[in-house]
């Protein structure tokens, strides 16, 4: 995600990189932090806060949850679980 062309970044997430970073900074204290050891054991790797925000913004910009799961490497069951991405 960090290597996306600025035009592509804005097209996918509907915000530019600077705005994304501002949003991430503002919402980070409000996002539930998970036990990384448990997340690693259950799915292989924890989902970073940056990825969680990117998936949420992309979903709000009308992306299909199936496309998001494929694009970001997230299990379908994780997307809609009570402890999922969103």
C-alpha atoms as a PDB file:
ATOM      1  CA  UNK A   1       0.000   0.000   0.000  1.00  0.00           C
ATOM      2  CA  UNK A   2       2.859   2.356   0.787  1.00  0.00           C
ATOM      3  CA  UNK A   3       4.184   1.933  -2.749  1.00  0.00           C
ATOM      4  CA  UNK A   4       0.977   2.735  -4.611  1.00  0.00           C
ATOM      5  CA  UNK A   5       1.047   5.599  -7.051  1.00  0.00           C
ATOM      6  CA  UNK A   6      -0.717   8.614  -5.436  1.00  0.00           C
ATOM      7  CA  UNK A   7      -3.402   8.621  -8.146  1.00  0.00           C
ATOM      8  CA  UNK A   8      -4.141   4.921  -7.632  1.00  0.00           C
ATOM      9  CA  UNK A   9      -4.093   5.335  -3.843  1.00  0.00           C
ATOM     10  CA  UNK A  10      -6.727   8.074  -4.020  1.00  0.00           C
ATOM     11  CA  UNK A  11      -8.794   6.155  -6.558  1.00  0.00           C
ATOM     12  CA  UNK A  12      -8.909   3.049  -4.354  1.00  0.00           C
ATOM     13  CA  UNK A  13      -9.446   4.670  -0.941  1.00  0.00           C
ATOM     14  CA  UNK A  14     -11.086   7.948  -2.024  1.00  0.00           C
ATOM     15  CA  UNK A  15      -8.574   9.934   0.070  1.00  0.00           C
ATOM     16  CA  UNK A  16      -4.995  10.989  -0.590  1.00  0.00           C
ATOM     17  CA  UNK A  17      -2.075   9.543   1.395  1.00  0.00           C
ATOM     18  CA  UNK A  18      -1.785  12.582   3.675  1.00  0.00           C
ATOM     19  CA  UNK A  19      -5.485  12.475   4.557  1.00  0.00           C
ATOM     20  CA  UNK A  20      -5.268   8.717   5.133  1.00  0.00           C
ATOM     21  CA  UNK A  21      -2.396   9.248   7.573  1.00  0.00           C
ATOM     22  CA  UNK A  22      -4.387  11.953   9.398  1.00  0.00           C
ATOM     23  CA  UNK A  23      -7.418   9.661   9.696  1.00  0.00           C
ATOM     24  CA  UNK A  24      -5.226   6.806  10.925  1.00  0.00           C
ATOM     25  CA  UNK A  25      -3.686   9.054  13.570  1.00  0.00           C
ATOM     26  CA  UNK A  26      -7.119  10.205  14.762  1.00  0.00           C
ATOM     27  CA  UNK A  27      -8.803   6.796  14.888  1.00  0.00           C
ATOM     28  CA  UNK A  28      -5.898   4.753  16.262  1.00  0.00           C
ATOM     29  CA  UNK A  29      -6.712   5.509  19.927  1.00  0.00           C
ATOM     30  CA  UNK A  30     -10.302   4.371  19.308  1.00  0.00           C
ATOM     31  CA  UNK A  31      -9.570   1.105  17.502  1.00  0.00           C
ATOM     32  CA  UNK A  32      -9.559  -2.024  19.606  1.00  0.00           C
ATOM     33  CA  UNK A  33      -6.028  -3.341  19.852  1.00  0.00           C
ATOM     34  CA  UNK A  34      -5.898  -7.087  19.671  1.00  0.00           C
ATOM     35  CA  UNK A  35      -3.635  -9.585  21.294  1.00  0.00           C
ATOM     36  CA  UNK A  36      -1.077 -10.019  18.487  1.00  0.00           C
ATOM     37  CA  UNK A  37      -0.028 -13.468  19.716  1.00  0.00           C
ATOM     38  CA  UNK A  38      -3.609 -14.760  19.453  1.00  0.00           C
ATOM     39  CA  UNK A  39      -4.085 -13.108  16.049  1.00  0.00           C
ATOM     40  CA  UNK A  40      -0.869 -14.657  14.788  1.00  0.00           C
ATOM     41  CA  UNK A  41      -1.885 -18.099  16.019  1.00  0.00           C
ATOM     42  CA  UNK A  42      -5.342 -17.991  14.478  1.00  0.00           C
ATOM     43  CA  UNK A  43      -4.651 -16.446  11.078  1.00  0.00           C
ATOM     44  CA  UNK A  44      -0.908 -16.557  10.549  1.00  0.00           C
ATOM     45  CA  UNK A  45      -0.350 -12.802  10.924  1.00  0.00           C
ATOM     46  CA  UNK A  46      -2.161 -10.010  12.720  1.00  0.00           C
ATOM     47  CA  UNK A  47      -4.042  -7.443  10.618  1.00  0.00           C
ATOM     48  CA  UNK A  48      -2.369  -4.069  11.089  1.00  0.00           C
ATOM     49  CA  UNK A  49      -4.350  -0.966  12.000  1.00  0.00           C
ATOM     50  CA  UNK A  50      -3.288   0.593   8.700  1.00  0.00           C
ATOM     51  CA  UNK A  51      -4.710  -2.373   6.778  1.00  0.00           C
ATOM     52  CA  UNK A  52      -7.894  -2.348   8.835  1.00  0.00           C
ATOM     53  CA  UNK A  53      -8.441   1.329   8.025  1.00  0.00           C
ATOM     54  CA  UNK A  54      -7.620   0.840   4.340  1.00  0.00           C
ATOM     55  CA  UNK A  55     -10.071  -2.061   4.051  1.00  0.00           C
ATOM     56  CA  UNK A  56     -12.760  -0.057   5.866  1.00  0.00           C
ATOM     57  CA  UNK A  57     -12.312   2.989   3.622  1.00  0.00           C
ATOM     58  CA  UNK A  58     -12.267   0.830   0.496  1.00  0.00           C
ATOM     59  CA  UNK A  59     -15.418  -0.960   1.667  1.00  0.00           C
ATOM     60  CA  UNK A  60     -17.151   2.372   2.359  1.00  0.00           C
ATOM     61  CA  UNK A  61     -16.159   3.456  -1.160  1.00  0.00           C
ATOM     62  CA  UNK A  62     -18.387   0.629  -2.469  1.00  0.00           C
ATOM     63  CA  UNK A  63     -15.933  -2.238  -2.794  1.00  0.00           C
ATOM     64  CA  UNK A  64     -17.268  -5.768  -2.578  1.00  0.00           C
ATOM     65  CA  UNK A  65     -16.289  -7.638   0.576  1.00  0.00           C
ATOM     66  CA  UNK A  66     -15.177 -10.528  -1.647  1.00  0.00           C
ATOM     67  CA  UNK A  67     -12.845  -8.245  -3.616  1.00  0.00           C
ATOM     68  CA  UNK A  68     -11.461  -6.845  -0.371  1.00  0.00           C
ATOM     69  CA  UNK A  69     -10.761 -10.297   1.025  1.00  0.00           C
ATOM     70  CA  UNK A  70      -8.896 -11.257  -2.135  1.00  0.00           C
ATOM     71  CA  UNK A  71      -7.056  -7.941  -2.473  1.00  0.00           C
ATOM     72  CA  UNK A  72      -5.896  -7.663   1.122  1.00  0.00           C
ATOM     73  CA  UNK A  73      -5.449 -11.350   1.933  1.00  0.00           C
ATOM     74  CA  UNK A  74      -8.168 -11.439   4.564  1.00  0.00           C
ATOM     75  CA  UNK A  75     -10.299 -14.495   5.236  1.00  0.00           C
ATOM     76  CA  UNK A  76     -13.988 -14.111   4.398  1.00  0.00           C
ATOM     77  CA  UNK A  77     -14.888 -15.265   7.918  1.00  0.00           C
ATOM     78  CA  UNK A  78     -12.628 -12.563   9.415  1.00  0.00           C
ATOM     79  CA  UNK A  79     -14.297  -9.780   7.454  1.00  0.00           C
ATOM     80  CA  UNK A  80     -17.698 -10.294   9.049  1.00  0.00           C
ATOM     81  CA  UNK A  81     -16.710 -11.796  12.390  1.00  0.00           C
ATOM     82  CA  UNK A  82     -17.485  -9.930  15.594  1.00  0.00           C
ATOM     83  CA  UNK A  83     -13.731  -9.418  16.028  1.00  0.00           C
ATOM     84  CA  UNK A  84     -13.161  -8.891  12.300  1.00  0.00           C
ATOM     85  CA  UNK A  85     -11.524  -6.230  10.228  1.00  0.00           C
ATOM     86  CA  UNK A  86     -14.174  -3.547  10.621  1.00  0.00           C
END
